Amino acid sequence: MVMTGKVKNDADWECNTLKEKIILEESIGEVERERLFKMLWDKRRVLSLDDDDFGGSKLPEFKIILSDDTPIYQRPRHFSPPIAREIEEQCQELEYMGVIERSESSWNSPIVPVRKPDVSL
């Protein structure tokens, strides 16, 4: 399944618009196509429209009680300068958007960047 163009607002979230913007493999039959479009339409509230469209959850503060409070620290991985620059830019953008925040925790695990099919990181 491939989505062509960007869906901008709720008006674009019409079932017929979705059918125009989503390209399905030819091997998918008409019944399956209709079921897929109906499922997308029914679940449209939880689907992202673009890279900047995402929500959050309002969960109460909680604490995970561990049997051993010894922090696990793994050294950060080293990346080539272009990859490191892209990671830094994405982290700054996510911090600006309020998705992530700086931490002074003694716990640490390295990130694992992965290339998407469209070659973006």
PDB file of N, CA and C in Angstrom:
ATOM      1  N   MET A   1       0.855  -1.163   0.000  1.00  0.00           N
ATOM      2  CA  MET A   1       0.000   0.000   0.000  1.00  0.00           C
ATOM      3  C   MET A   1       0.901   1.225   0.000  1.00  0.00           C
ATOM      4  N   VAL A   2       0.597   2.170  -0.848  1.00  0.00           N
ATOM      5  CA  VAL A   2       1.356   3.410  -0.954  1.00  0.00           C
ATOM      6  C   VAL A   2       0.374   4.568  -0.901  1.00  0.00           C
ATOM      7  N   MET A   3       0.729   5.591  -0.118  1.00  0.00           N
ATOM      8  CA  MET A   3      -0.117   6.784  -0.040  1.00  0.00           C
ATOM      9  C   MET A   3       0.512   7.850  -0.911  1.00  0.00           C
ATOM     10  N   THR A   4      -0.242   8.404  -1.830  1.00  0.00           N
ATOM     11  CA  THR A   4       0.271   9.450  -2.704  1.00  0.00           C
ATOM     12  C   THR A   4      -0.232  10.792  -2.217  1.00  0.00           C
ATOM     13  N   GLY A   5       0.618  11.785  -2.238  1.00  0.00           N
ATOM     14  CA  GLY A   5       0.222  13.125  -1.801  1.00  0.00           C
ATOM     15  C   GLY A   5      -0.018  13.153  -0.310  1.00  0.00           C
ATOM     16  N   LYS A   6      -0.201  14.339   0.231  1.00  0.00           N
ATOM     17  CA  LYS A   6      -0.458  14.470   1.656  1.00  0.00           C
ATOM     18  C   LYS A   6      -1.933  14.726   1.886  1.00  0.00           C
ATOM     19  N   VAL A   7      -2.427  14.162   2.945  1.00  0.00           N
ATOM     20  CA  VAL A   7      -3.788  14.429   3.379  1.00  0.00           C
ATOM     21  C   VAL A   7      -3.668  15.569   4.377  1.00  0.00           C
ATOM     22  N   LYS A   8      -4.307  16.695   4.104  1.00  0.00           N
ATOM     23  CA  LYS A   8      -4.070  17.902   4.881  1.00  0.00           C
ATOM     24  C   LYS A   8      -4.994  18.098   6.074  1.00  0.00           C
ATOM     25  N   ASN A   9      -6.264  17.766   5.956  1.00  0.00           N
ATOM     26  CA  ASN A   9      -7.186  18.056   7.046  1.00  0.00           C
ATOM     27  C   ASN A   9      -8.341  17.063   7.049  1.00  0.00           C
ATOM     28  N   ASP A  10      -9.286  17.282   7.981  1.00  0.00           N
ATOM     29  CA  ASP A  10     -10.418  16.356   8.094  1.00  0.00           C
ATOM     30  C   ASP A  10     -11.227  16.232   6.814  1.00  0.00           C
ATOM     31  N   ALA A  11     -11.289  17.314   6.034  1.00  0.00           N
ATOM     32  CA  ALA A  11     -12.031  17.241   4.767  1.00  0.00           C
ATOM     33  C   ALA A  11     -11.389  16.225   3.838  1.00  0.00           C
ATOM     34  N   ASP A  12     -10.069  16.072   3.947  1.00  0.00           N
ATOM     35  CA  ASP A  12      -9.380  15.089   3.119  1.00  0.00           C
ATOM     36  C   ASP A  12      -9.603  13.659   3.606  1.00  0.00           C
ATOM     37  N   TRP A  13     -10.085  13.532   4.841  1.00  0.00           N
ATOM     38  CA  TRP A  13     -10.336  12.212   5.390  1.00  0.00           C
ATOM     39  C   TRP A  13     -11.717  11.721   4.982  1.00  0.00           C
ATOM     40  N   GLU A  14     -12.012  11.796   3.722  1.00  0.00           N
ATOM     41  CA  GLU A  14     -13.236  11.222   3.192  1.00  0.00           C
ATOM     42  C   GLU A  14     -12.864   9.908   2.529  1.00  0.00           C
ATOM     43  N   CYS A  15     -13.741   8.963   2.625  1.00  0.00           N
ATOM     44  CA  CYS A  15     -13.437   7.623   2.112  1.00  0.00           C
ATOM     45  C   CYS A  15     -13.030   7.667   0.643  1.00  0.00           C
ATOM     46  N   ASN A  16     -13.729   8.445  -0.174  1.00  0.00           N
ATOM     47  CA  ASN A  16     -13.385   8.519  -1.596  1.00  0.00           C
ATOM     48  C   ASN A  16     -12.009   9.152  -1.802  1.00  0.00           C
ATOM     49  N   THR A  17     -11.676  10.138  -0.971  1.00  0.00           N
ATOM     50  CA  THR A  17     -10.352  10.770  -1.066  1.00  0.00           C
ATOM     51  C   THR A  17      -9.269   9.756  -0.728  1.00  0.00           C
ATOM     52  N   LEU A  18      -9.522   8.950   0.293  1.00  0.00           N
ATOM     53  CA  LEU A  18      -8.552   7.913   0.651  1.00  0.00           C
ATOM     54  C   LEU A  18      -8.343   6.952  -0.514  1.00  0.00           C
ATOM     55  N   LYS A  19      -9.418   6.593  -1.182  1.00  0.00           N
ATOM     56  CA  LYS A  19      -9.313   5.674  -2.304  1.00  0.00           C
ATOM     57  C   LYS A  19      -8.483   6.269  -3.436  1.00  0.00           C
ATOM     58  N   GLU A  20      -8.558   7.576  -3.597  1.00  0.00           N
ATOM     59  CA  GLU A  20      -7.758   8.235  -4.631  1.00  0.00           C
ATOM     60  C   GLU A  20      -6.287   8.324  -4.234  1.00  0.00           C
ATOM     61  N   LYS A  21      -6.006   8.503  -2.940  1.00  0.00           N
ATOM     62  CA  LYS A  21      -4.644   8.741  -2.482  1.00  0.00           C
ATOM     63  C   LYS A  21      -3.875   7.461  -2.170  1.00  0.00           C
ATOM     64  N   ILE A  22      -4.572   6.351  -1.993  1.00  0.00           N
ATOM     65  CA  ILE A  22      -3.900   5.102  -1.630  1.00  0.00           C
ATOM     66  C   ILE A  22      -3.854   4.182  -2.842  1.00  0.00           C
ATOM     67  N   ILE A  23      -2.645   3.765  -3.163  1.00  0.00           N
ATOM     68  CA  ILE A  23      -2.444   2.849  -4.289  1.00  0.00           C
ATOM     69  C   ILE A  23      -2.200   1.457  -3.725  1.00  0.00           C
ATOM     70  N   LEU A  24      -3.040   0.523  -4.108  1.00  0.00           N
ATOM     71  CA  LEU A  24      -2.906  -0.859  -3.651  1.00  0.00           C
ATOM     72  C   LEU A  24      -2.382  -1.730  -4.776  1.00  0.00           C
ATOM     73  N   GLU A  25      -1.756  -2.828  -4.404  1.00  0.00           N
ATOM     74  CA  GLU A  25      -1.259  -3.770  -5.393  1.00  0.00           C
ATOM     75  C   GLU A  25      -2.430  -4.314  -6.215  1.00  0.00           C
ATOM     76  N   GLU A  26      -2.154  -4.594  -7.462  1.00  0.00           N
ATOM     77  CA  GLU A  26      -3.190  -5.104  -8.368  1.00  0.00           C
ATOM     78  C   GLU A  26      -3.743  -6.451  -7.909  1.00  0.00           C
ATOM     79  N   SER A  27      -2.948  -7.221  -7.168  1.00  0.00           N
ATOM     80  CA  SER A  27      -3.374  -8.559  -6.757  1.00  0.00           C
ATOM     81  C   SER A  27      -4.451  -8.530  -5.673  1.00  0.00           C
ATOM     82  N   ILE A  28      -4.697  -7.365  -5.077  1.00  0.00           N
ATOM     83  CA  ILE A  28      -5.715  -7.261  -4.034  1.00  0.00           C
ATOM     84  C   ILE A  28      -7.087  -7.126  -4.692  1.00  0.00           C
ATOM     85  N   GLY A  29      -7.977  -8.034  -4.336  1.00  0.00           N
ATOM     86  CA  GLY A  29      -9.318  -8.056  -4.935  1.00  0.00           C
ATOM     87  C   GLY A  29     -10.190  -6.912  -4.445  1.00  0.00           C
ATOM     88  N   GLU A  30     -11.305  -6.713  -5.125  1.00  0.00           N
ATOM     89  CA  GLU A  30     -12.202  -5.599  -4.808  1.00  0.00           C
ATOM     90  C   GLU A  30     -12.782  -5.714  -3.401  1.00  0.00           C
ATOM     91  N   VAL A  31     -13.127  -6.928  -2.983  1.00  0.00           N
ATOM     92  CA  VAL A  31     -13.687  -7.129  -1.642  1.00  0.00           C
ATOM     93  C   VAL A  31     -12.658  -6.738  -0.580  1.00  0.00           C
ATOM     94  N   GLU A  32     -11.411  -7.185  -0.776  1.00  0.00           N
ATOM     95  CA  GLU A  32     -10.356  -6.847   0.169  1.00  0.00           C
ATOM     96  C   GLU A  32     -10.079  -5.349   0.174  1.00  0.00           C
ATOM     97  N   ARG A  33     -10.122  -4.727  -1.012  1.00  0.00           N
ATOM     98  CA  ARG A  33      -9.922  -3.273  -1.105  1.00  0.00           C
ATOM     99  C   ARG A  33     -10.970  -2.535  -0.279  1.00  0.00           C
ATOM    100  N   GLU A  34     -12.227  -2.914  -0.436  1.00  0.00           N
ATOM    101  CA  GLU A  34     -13.303  -2.250   0.297  1.00  0.00           C
ATOM    102  C   GLU A  34     -13.152  -2.465   1.798  1.00  0.00           C
ATOM    103  N   ARG A  35     -12.765  -3.660   2.197  1.00  0.00           N
ATOM    104  CA  ARG A  35     -12.553  -3.939   3.621  1.00  0.00           C
ATOM    105  C   ARG A  35     -11.421  -3.076   4.173  1.00  0.00           C
ATOM    106  N   LEU A  36     -10.343  -2.941   3.399  1.00  0.00           N
ATOM    107  CA  LEU A  36      -9.214  -2.125   3.830  1.00  0.00           C
ATOM    108  C   LEU A  36      -9.609  -0.655   3.963  1.00  0.00           C
ATOM    109  N   PHE A  37     -10.297  -0.127   2.971  1.00  0.00           N
ATOM    110  CA  PHE A  37     -10.723   1.272   3.032  1.00  0.00           C
ATOM    111  C   PHE A  37     -11.696   1.505   4.193  1.00  0.00           C
ATOM    112  N   LYS A  38     -12.588   0.550   4.428  1.00  0.00           N
ATOM    113  CA  LYS A  38     -13.518   0.684   5.549  1.00  0.00           C
ATOM    114  C   LYS A  38     -12.752   0.687   6.870  1.00  0.00           C
ATOM    115  N   MET A  39     -11.750  -0.194   6.996  1.00  0.00           N
ATOM    116  CA  MET A  39     -10.961  -0.250   8.222  1.00  0.00           C
ATOM    117  C   MET A  39     -10.198   1.058   8.430  1.00  0.00           C
ATOM    118  N   LEU A  40      -9.571   1.588   7.365  1.00  0.00           N
ATOM    119  CA  LEU A  40      -8.861   2.864   7.470  1.00  0.00           C
ATOM    120  C   LEU A  40      -9.808   3.986   7.866  1.00  0.00           C
ATOM    121  N   TRP A  41     -10.990   3.982   7.273  1.00  0.00           N
ATOM    122  CA  TRP A  41     -11.978   5.015   7.580  1.00  0.00           C
ATOM    123  C   TRP A  41     -12.423   4.904   9.039  1.00  0.00           C
ATOM    124  N   ASP A  42     -12.692   3.679   9.493  1.00  0.00           N
ATOM    125  CA  ASP A  42     -13.132   3.476  10.876  1.00  0.00           C
ATOM    126  C   ASP A  42     -12.053   3.870  11.887  1.00  0.00           C
ATOM    127  N   LYS A  43     -10.797   3.712  11.525  1.00  0.00           N
ATOM    128  CA  LYS A  43      -9.681   3.980  12.444  1.00  0.00           C
ATOM    129  C   LYS A  43      -8.984   5.308  12.157  1.00  0.00           C
ATOM    130  N   ARG A  44      -9.595   6.187  11.389  1.00  0.00           N
ATOM    131  CA  ARG A  44      -8.939   7.411  10.939  1.00  0.00           C
ATOM    132  C   ARG A  44      -8.473   8.300  12.087  1.00  0.00           C
ATOM    133  N   ARG A  45      -9.102   8.240  13.227  1.00  0.00           N
ATOM    134  CA  ARG A  45      -8.723   9.083  14.366  1.00  0.00           C
ATOM    135  C   ARG A  45      -7.335   8.748  14.912  1.00  0.00           C
ATOM    136  N   VAL A  46      -6.863   7.522  14.695  1.00  0.00           N
ATOM    137  CA  VAL A  46      -5.561   7.129  15.234  1.00  0.00           C
ATOM    138  C   VAL A  46      -4.458   7.141  14.181  1.00  0.00           C
ATOM    139  N   LEU A  47      -4.782   7.511  12.955  1.00  0.00           N
ATOM    140  CA  LEU A  47      -3.804   7.526  11.885  1.00  0.00           C
ATOM    141  C   LEU A  47      -3.196   8.913  11.722  1.00  0.00           C
ATOM    142  N   SER A  48      -1.923   8.951  11.470  1.00  0.00           N
ATOM    143  CA  SER A  48      -1.226  10.206  11.239  1.00  0.00           C
ATOM    144  C   SER A  48      -1.455  10.640   9.797  1.00  0.00           C
ATOM    145  N   LEU A  49      -1.672  11.928   9.618  1.00  0.00           N
ATOM    146  CA  LEU A  49      -1.882  12.457   8.277  1.00  0.00           C
ATOM    147  C   LEU A  49      -0.564  12.831   7.608  1.00  0.00           C
ATOM    148  N   ASP A  50       0.442  13.227   8.400  1.00  0.00           N
ATOM    149  CA  ASP A  50       1.761  13.553   7.863  1.00  0.00           C
ATOM    150  C   ASP A  50       2.787  13.476   8.992  1.00  0.00           C
ATOM    151  N   ASP A  51       4.025  13.857   8.724  1.00  0.00           N
ATOM    152  CA  ASP A  51       5.099  13.728   9.712  1.00  0.00           C
ATOM    153  C   ASP A  51       4.892  14.595  10.943  1.00  0.00           C
ATOM    154  N   ASP A  52       4.127  15.670  10.835  1.00  0.00           N
ATOM    155  CA  ASP A  52       3.925  16.583  11.955  1.00  0.00           C
ATOM    156  C   ASP A  52       2.633  16.322  12.705  1.00  0.00           C
ATOM    157  N   ASP A  53       1.865  15.364  12.268  1.00  0.00           N
ATOM    158  CA  ASP A  53       0.567  15.084  12.855  1.00  0.00           C
ATOM    159  C   ASP A  53       0.657  13.842  13.736  1.00  0.00           C
ATOM    160  N   PHE A  54       0.767  14.075  15.000  1.00  0.00           N
ATOM    161  CA  PHE A  54       0.753  12.969  15.937  1.00  0.00           C
ATOM    162  C   PHE A  54       0.221  13.499  17.250  1.00  0.00           C
ATOM    163  N   GLY A  55      -0.270  12.623  18.032  1.00  0.00           N
ATOM    164  CA  GLY A  55      -0.839  13.034  19.307  1.00  0.00           C
ATOM    165  C   GLY A  55      -0.016  12.506  20.459  1.00  0.00           C
ATOM    166  N   GLY A  56      -0.557  12.629  21.595  1.00  0.00           N
ATOM    167  CA  GLY A  56       0.084  12.126  22.789  1.00  0.00           C
ATOM    168  C   GLY A  56      -0.982  11.560  23.698  1.00  0.00           C
ATOM    169  N   SER A  57      -0.557  10.951  24.743  1.00  0.00           N
ATOM    170  CA  SER A  57      -1.519  10.428  25.702  1.00  0.00           C
ATOM    171  C   SER A  57      -1.329  11.160  27.019  1.00  0.00           C
ATOM    172  N   LYS A  58      -2.370  11.299  27.733  1.00  0.00           N
ATOM    173  CA  LYS A  58      -2.348  11.968  29.030  1.00  0.00           C
ATOM    174  C   LYS A  58      -2.414  10.883  30.104  1.00  0.00           C
ATOM    175  N   LEU A  59      -1.281  10.298  30.399  1.00  0.00           N
ATOM    176  CA  LEU A  59      -1.228   9.260  31.411  1.00  0.00           C
ATOM    177  C   LEU A  59      -0.810   9.870  32.745  1.00  0.00           C
ATOM    178  N   PRO A  60      -1.303   9.327  33.843  1.00  0.00           N
ATOM    179  CA  PRO A  60      -0.837   9.823  35.142  1.00  0.00           C
ATOM    180  C   PRO A  60       0.624   9.423  35.351  1.00  0.00           C
ATOM    181  N   GLU A  61       1.305  10.169  36.197  1.00  0.00           N
ATOM    182  CA  GLU A  61       2.695   9.837  36.498  1.00  0.00           C
ATOM    183  C   GLU A  61       2.721   8.482  37.190  1.00  0.00           C
ATOM    184  N   PHE A  62       3.735   7.690  36.881  1.00  0.00           N
ATOM    185  CA  PHE A  62       3.823   6.372  37.490  1.00  0.00           C
ATOM    186  C   PHE A  62       5.287   6.034  37.744  1.00  0.00           C
ATOM    187  N   LYS A  63       5.515   4.999  38.485  1.00  0.00           N
ATOM    188  CA  LYS A  63       6.867   4.556  38.805  1.00  0.00           C
ATOM    189  C   LYS A  63       6.934   3.049  38.617  1.00  0.00           C
ATOM    190  N   ILE A  64       8.003   2.602  38.004  1.00  0.00           N
ATOM    191  CA  ILE A  64       8.236   1.177  37.834  1.00  0.00           C
ATOM    192  C   ILE A  64       9.187   0.745  38.937  1.00  0.00           C
ATOM    193  N   ILE A  65       8.760  -0.184  39.748  1.00  0.00           N
ATOM    194  CA  ILE A  65       9.584  -0.664  40.853  1.00  0.00           C
ATOM    195  C   ILE A  65      10.371  -1.876  40.363  1.00  0.00           C
ATOM    196  N   LEU A  66      11.695  -1.765  40.452  1.00  0.00           N
ATOM    197  CA  LEU A  66      12.584  -2.830  39.983  1.00  0.00           C
ATOM    198  C   LEU A  66      13.136  -3.612  41.161  1.00  0.00           C
ATOM    199  N   SER A  67      13.551  -4.840  40.905  1.00  0.00           N
ATOM    200  CA  SER A  67      14.165  -5.636  41.967  1.00  0.00           C
ATOM    201  C   SER A  67      15.615  -5.195  42.197  1.00  0.00           C
ATOM    202  N   ASP A  68      16.219  -4.568  41.188  1.00  0.00           N
ATOM    203  CA  ASP A  68      17.592  -4.072  41.304  1.00  0.00           C
ATOM    204  C   ASP A  68      17.622  -2.667  40.714  1.00  0.00           C
ATOM    205  N   ASP A  69      17.926  -1.669  41.531  1.00  0.00           N
ATOM    206  CA  ASP A  69      17.923  -0.276  41.083  1.00  0.00           C
ATOM    207  C   ASP A  69      19.244   0.169  40.475  1.00  0.00           C
ATOM    208  N   THR A  70      20.153  -0.757  40.224  1.00  0.00           N
ATOM    209  CA  THR A  70      21.435  -0.397  39.633  1.00  0.00           C
ATOM    210  C   THR A  70      21.200   0.040  38.183  1.00  0.00           C
ATOM    211  N   PRO A  71      21.542   1.291  37.860  1.00  0.00           N
ATOM    212  CA  PRO A  71      21.306   1.773  36.494  1.00  0.00           C
ATOM    213  C   PRO A  71      22.103   0.990  35.455  1.00  0.00           C
ATOM    214  N   ILE A  72      21.481   0.789  34.331  1.00  0.00           N
ATOM    215  CA  ILE A  72      22.156   0.155  33.199  1.00  0.00           C
ATOM    216  C   ILE A  72      22.595   1.279  32.274  1.00  0.00           C
ATOM    217  N   TYR A  73      23.879   1.318  31.988  1.00  0.00           N
ATOM    218  CA  TYR A  73      24.428   2.344  31.111  1.00  0.00           C
ATOM    219  C   TYR A  73      25.174   1.658  29.984  1.00  0.00           C
ATOM    220  N   GLN A  74      24.775   1.938  28.757  1.00  0.00           N
ATOM    221  CA  GLN A  74      25.478   1.420  27.590  1.00  0.00           C
ATOM    222  C   GLN A  74      26.074   2.604  26.855  1.00  0.00           C
ATOM    223  N   ARG A  75      27.320   2.460  26.463  1.00  0.00           N
ATOM    224  CA  ARG A  75      27.987   3.567  25.766  1.00  0.00           C
ATOM    225  C   ARG A  75      27.267   3.911  24.478  1.00  0.00           C
ATOM    226  N   PRO A  76      27.227   5.200  24.145  1.00  0.00           N
ATOM    227  CA  PRO A  76      26.616   5.604  22.873  1.00  0.00           C
ATOM    228  C   PRO A  76      27.402   5.048  21.685  1.00  0.00           C
ATOM    229  N   ARG A  77      26.707   4.807  20.600  1.00  0.00           N
ATOM    230  CA  ARG A  77      27.366   4.374  19.365  1.00  0.00           C
ATOM    231  C   ARG A  77      27.929   5.600  18.653  1.00  0.00           C
ATOM    232  N   HIS A  78      28.942   5.382  17.866  1.00  0.00           N
ATOM    233  CA  HIS A  78      29.518   6.463  17.068  1.00  0.00           C
ATOM    234  C   HIS A  78      29.016   6.313  15.632  1.00  0.00           C
ATOM    235  N   PHE A  79      28.655   7.438  15.020  1.00  0.00           N
ATOM    236  CA  PHE A  79      28.125   7.440  13.664  1.00  0.00           C
ATOM    237  C   PHE A  79      28.967   8.356  12.794  1.00  0.00           C
ATOM    238  N   SER A  80      28.882   8.129  11.497  1.00  0.00           N
ATOM    239  CA  SER A  80      29.578   9.005  10.557  1.00  0.00           C
ATOM    240  C   SER A  80      29.006  10.418  10.710  1.00  0.00           C
ATOM    241  N   PRO A  81      29.799  11.455  10.377  1.00  0.00           N
ATOM    242  CA  PRO A  81      29.325  12.838  10.545  1.00  0.00           C
ATOM    243  C   PRO A  81      27.967  13.133   9.885  1.00  0.00           C
ATOM    244  N   PRO A  82      27.694  12.663   8.648  1.00  0.00           N
ATOM    245  CA  PRO A  82      26.370  12.965   8.078  1.00  0.00           C
ATOM    246  C   PRO A  82      25.217  12.330   8.867  1.00  0.00           C
ATOM    247  N   ILE A  83      25.408  11.101   9.318  1.00  0.00           N
ATOM    248  CA  ILE A  83      24.367  10.415  10.100  1.00  0.00           C
ATOM    249  C   ILE A  83      24.208  11.113  11.452  1.00  0.00           C
ATOM    250  N   ALA A  84      25.325  11.434  12.104  1.00  0.00           N
ATOM    251  CA  ALA A  84      25.275  12.118  13.402  1.00  0.00           C
ATOM    252  C   ALA A  84      24.561  13.461  13.279  1.00  0.00           C
ATOM    253  N   ARG A  85      24.814  14.181  12.194  1.00  0.00           N
ATOM    254  CA  ARG A  85      24.170  15.478  11.963  1.00  0.00           C
ATOM    255  C   ARG A  85      22.653  15.298  11.799  1.00  0.00           C
ATOM    256  N   GLU A  86      22.262  14.282  11.028  1.00  0.00           N
ATOM    257  CA  GLU A  86      20.834  14.026  10.808  1.00  0.00           C
ATOM    258  C   GLU A  86      20.143  13.625  12.108  1.00  0.00           C
ATOM    259  N   ILE A  87      20.809  12.801  12.908  1.00  0.00           N
ATOM    260  CA  ILE A  87      20.249  12.403  14.208  1.00  0.00           C
ATOM    261  C   ILE A  87      20.067  13.632  15.089  1.00  0.00           C
ATOM    262  N   GLU A  88      21.078  14.482  15.143  1.00  0.00           N
ATOM    263  CA  GLU A  88      21.017  15.693  15.965  1.00  0.00           C
ATOM    264  C   GLU A  88      19.876  16.601  15.506  1.00  0.00           C
ATOM    265  N   GLU A  89      19.736  16.781  14.198  1.00  0.00           N
ATOM    266  CA  GLU A  89      18.657  17.623  13.667  1.00  0.00           C
ATOM    267  C   GLU A  89      17.288  17.061  14.032  1.00  0.00           C
ATOM    268  N   GLN A  90      17.126  15.750  13.891  1.00  0.00           N
ATOM    269  CA  GLN A  90      15.840  15.132  14.221  1.00  0.00           C
ATOM    270  C   GLN A  90      15.548  15.249  15.714  1.00  0.00           C
ATOM    271  N   CYS A  91      16.569  15.062  16.546  1.00  0.00           N
ATOM    272  CA  CYS A  91      16.377  15.181  17.994  1.00  0.00           C
ATOM    273  C   CYS A  91      15.997  16.609  18.372  1.00  0.00           C
ATOM    274  N   GLN A  92      16.639  17.600  17.762  1.00  0.00           N
ATOM    275  CA  GLN A  92      16.294  18.995  18.039  1.00  0.00           C
ATOM    276  C   GLN A  92      14.858  19.292  17.638  1.00  0.00           C
ATOM    277  N   GLU A  93      14.447  18.784  16.481  1.00  0.00           N
ATOM    278  CA  GLU A  93      13.081  19.002  16.014  1.00  0.00           C
ATOM    279  C   GLU A  93      12.074  18.333  16.947  1.00  0.00           C
ATOM    280  N   LEU A  94      12.352  17.093  17.361  1.00  0.00           N
ATOM    281  CA  LEU A  94      11.451  16.383  18.266  1.00  0.00           C
ATOM    282  C   LEU A  94      11.390  17.061  19.637  1.00  0.00           C
ATOM    283  N   GLU A  95      12.511  17.593  20.085  1.00  0.00           N
ATOM    284  CA  GLU A  95      12.516  18.325  21.355  1.00  0.00           C
ATOM    285  C   GLU A  95      11.694  19.606  21.228  1.00  0.00           C
ATOM    286  N   TYR A  96      11.859  20.322  20.126  1.00  0.00           N
ATOM    287  CA  TYR A  96      11.099  21.542  19.879  1.00  0.00           C
ATOM    288  C   TYR A  96       9.590  21.258  19.854  1.00  0.00           C
ATOM    289  N   MET A  97       9.208  20.111  19.282  1.00  0.00           N
ATOM    290  CA  MET A  97       7.799  19.741  19.165  1.00  0.00           C
ATOM    291  C   MET A  97       7.254  19.158  20.471  1.00  0.00           C
ATOM    292  N   GLY A  98       8.116  18.937  21.456  1.00  0.00           N
ATOM    293  CA  GLY A  98       7.668  18.415  22.740  1.00  0.00           C
ATOM    294  C   GLY A  98       7.519  16.908  22.789  1.00  0.00           C
ATOM    295  N   VAL A  99       8.064  16.218  21.806  1.00  0.00           N
ATOM    296  CA  VAL A  99       7.966  14.762  21.770  1.00  0.00           C
ATOM    297  C   VAL A  99       8.985  14.134  22.708  1.00  0.00           C
ATOM    298  N   ILE A 100      10.175  14.714  22.768  1.00  0.00           N
ATOM    299  CA  ILE A 100      11.221  14.220  23.655  1.00  0.00           C
ATOM    300  C   ILE A 100      11.686  15.372  24.536  1.00  0.00           C
ATOM    301  N   GLU A 101      12.374  15.038  25.619  1.00  0.00           N
ATOM    302  CA  GLU A 101      12.935  16.061  26.497  1.00  0.00           C
ATOM    303  C   GLU A 101      14.307  15.607  26.970  1.00  0.00           C
ATOM    304  N   ARG A 102      15.105  16.569  27.357  1.00  0.00           N
ATOM    305  CA  ARG A 102      16.446  16.256  27.855  1.00  0.00           C
ATOM    306  C   ARG A 102      16.335  15.501  29.174  1.00  0.00           C
ATOM    307  N   SER A 103      17.319  14.663  29.439  1.00  0.00           N
ATOM    308  CA  SER A 103      17.311  13.852  30.648  1.00  0.00           C
ATOM    309  C   SER A 103      18.700  13.825  31.269  1.00  0.00           C
ATOM    310  N   GLU A 104      18.725  13.771  32.565  1.00  0.00           N
ATOM    311  CA  GLU A 104      19.978  13.633  33.313  1.00  0.00           C
ATOM    312  C   GLU A 104      20.042  12.260  33.974  1.00  0.00           C
ATOM    313  N   SER A 105      19.304  11.320  33.458  1.00  0.00           N
ATOM    314  CA  SER A 105      19.222   9.985  34.037  1.00  0.00           C
ATOM    315  C   SER A 105      20.554   9.250  33.936  1.00  0.00           C
ATOM    316  N   SER A 106      20.808   8.411  34.909  1.00  0.00           N
ATOM    317  CA  SER A 106      22.016   7.582  34.861  1.00  0.00           C
ATOM    318  C   SER A 106      21.784   6.308  34.044  1.00  0.00           C
ATOM    319  N   TRP A 107      20.560   6.106  33.594  1.00  0.00           N
ATOM    320  CA  TRP A 107      20.236   4.993  32.704  1.00  0.00           C
ATOM    321  C   TRP A 107      20.503   5.446  31.275  1.00  0.00           C
ATOM    322  N   ASN A 108      20.995   4.545  30.426  1.00  0.00           N
ATOM    323  CA  ASN A 108      21.264   4.931  29.046  1.00  0.00           C
ATOM    324  C   ASN A 108      21.290   3.714  28.134  1.00  0.00           C
ATOM    325  N   SER A 109      20.665   3.836  26.994  1.00  0.00           N
ATOM    326  CA  SER A 109      20.757   2.845  25.921  1.00  0.00           C
ATOM    327  C   SER A 109      20.964   3.608  24.628  1.00  0.00           C
ATOM    328  N   PRO A 110      21.827   3.101  23.760  1.00  0.00           N
ATOM    329  CA  PRO A 110      22.115   3.820  22.514  1.00  0.00           C
ATOM    330  C   PRO A 110      20.948   3.751  21.531  1.00  0.00           C
ATOM    331  N   ILE A 111      20.871   4.757  20.680  1.00  0.00           N
ATOM    332  CA  ILE A 111      19.850   4.755  19.636  1.00  0.00           C
ATOM    333  C   ILE A 111      20.295   3.840  18.498  1.00  0.00           C
ATOM    334  N   VAL A 112      19.333   3.410  17.714  1.00  0.00           N
ATOM    335  CA  VAL A 112      19.603   2.583  16.545  1.00  0.00           C
ATOM    336  C   VAL A 112      18.892   3.226  15.360  1.00  0.00           C
ATOM    337  N   PRO A 113      19.598   4.048  14.575  1.00  0.00           N
ATOM    338  CA  PRO A 113      18.949   4.659  13.416  1.00  0.00           C
ATOM    339  C   PRO A 113      18.704   3.622  12.317  1.00  0.00           C
ATOM    340  N   VAL A 114      17.558   3.743  11.663  1.00  0.00           N
ATOM    341  CA  VAL A 114      17.178   2.785  10.614  1.00  0.00           C
ATOM    342  C   VAL A 114      16.707   3.571   9.402  1.00  0.00           C
ATOM    343  N   ARG A 115      17.132   3.176   8.229  1.00  0.00           N
ATOM    344  CA  ARG A 115      16.678   3.806   6.985  1.00  0.00           C
ATOM    345  C   ARG A 115      15.301   3.276   6.623  1.00  0.00           C
ATOM    346  N   LYS A 116      14.413   4.190   6.262  1.00  0.00           N
ATOM    347  CA  LYS A 116      13.080   3.825   5.806  1.00  0.00           C
ATOM    348  C   LYS A 116      13.172   3.458   4.327  1.00  0.00           C
ATOM    349  N   PRO A 117      12.120   2.835   3.790  1.00  0.00           N
ATOM    350  CA  PRO A 117      12.132   2.505   2.357  1.00  0.00           C
ATOM    351  C   PRO A 117      12.347   3.720   1.460  1.00  0.00           C
ATOM    352  N   ASP A 118      11.925   4.916   1.932  1.00  0.00           N
ATOM    353  CA  ASP A 118      12.124   6.120   1.120  1.00  0.00           C
ATOM    354  C   ASP A 118      13.516   6.719   1.316  1.00  0.00           C
ATOM    355  N   VAL A 119      14.405   5.996   1.999  1.00  0.00           N
ATOM    356  CA  VAL A 119      15.814   6.327   2.245  1.00  0.00           C
ATOM    357  C   VAL A 119      15.996   7.364   3.360  1.00  0.00           C
ATOM    358  N   SER A 120      14.920   7.907   3.929  1.00  0.00           N
ATOM    359  CA  SER A 120      15.075   8.824   5.036  1.00  0.00           C
ATOM    360  C   SER A 120      15.453   8.034   6.278  1.00  0.00           C
ATOM    361  N   LEU A 121      16.065   8.719   7.226  1.00  0.00           N
ATOM    362  CA  LEU A 121      16.525   8.059   8.448  1.00  0.00           C
ATOM    363  C   LEU A 121      15.445   8.132   9.503  1.00  0.00           C
TER     364      LEU A 121
END
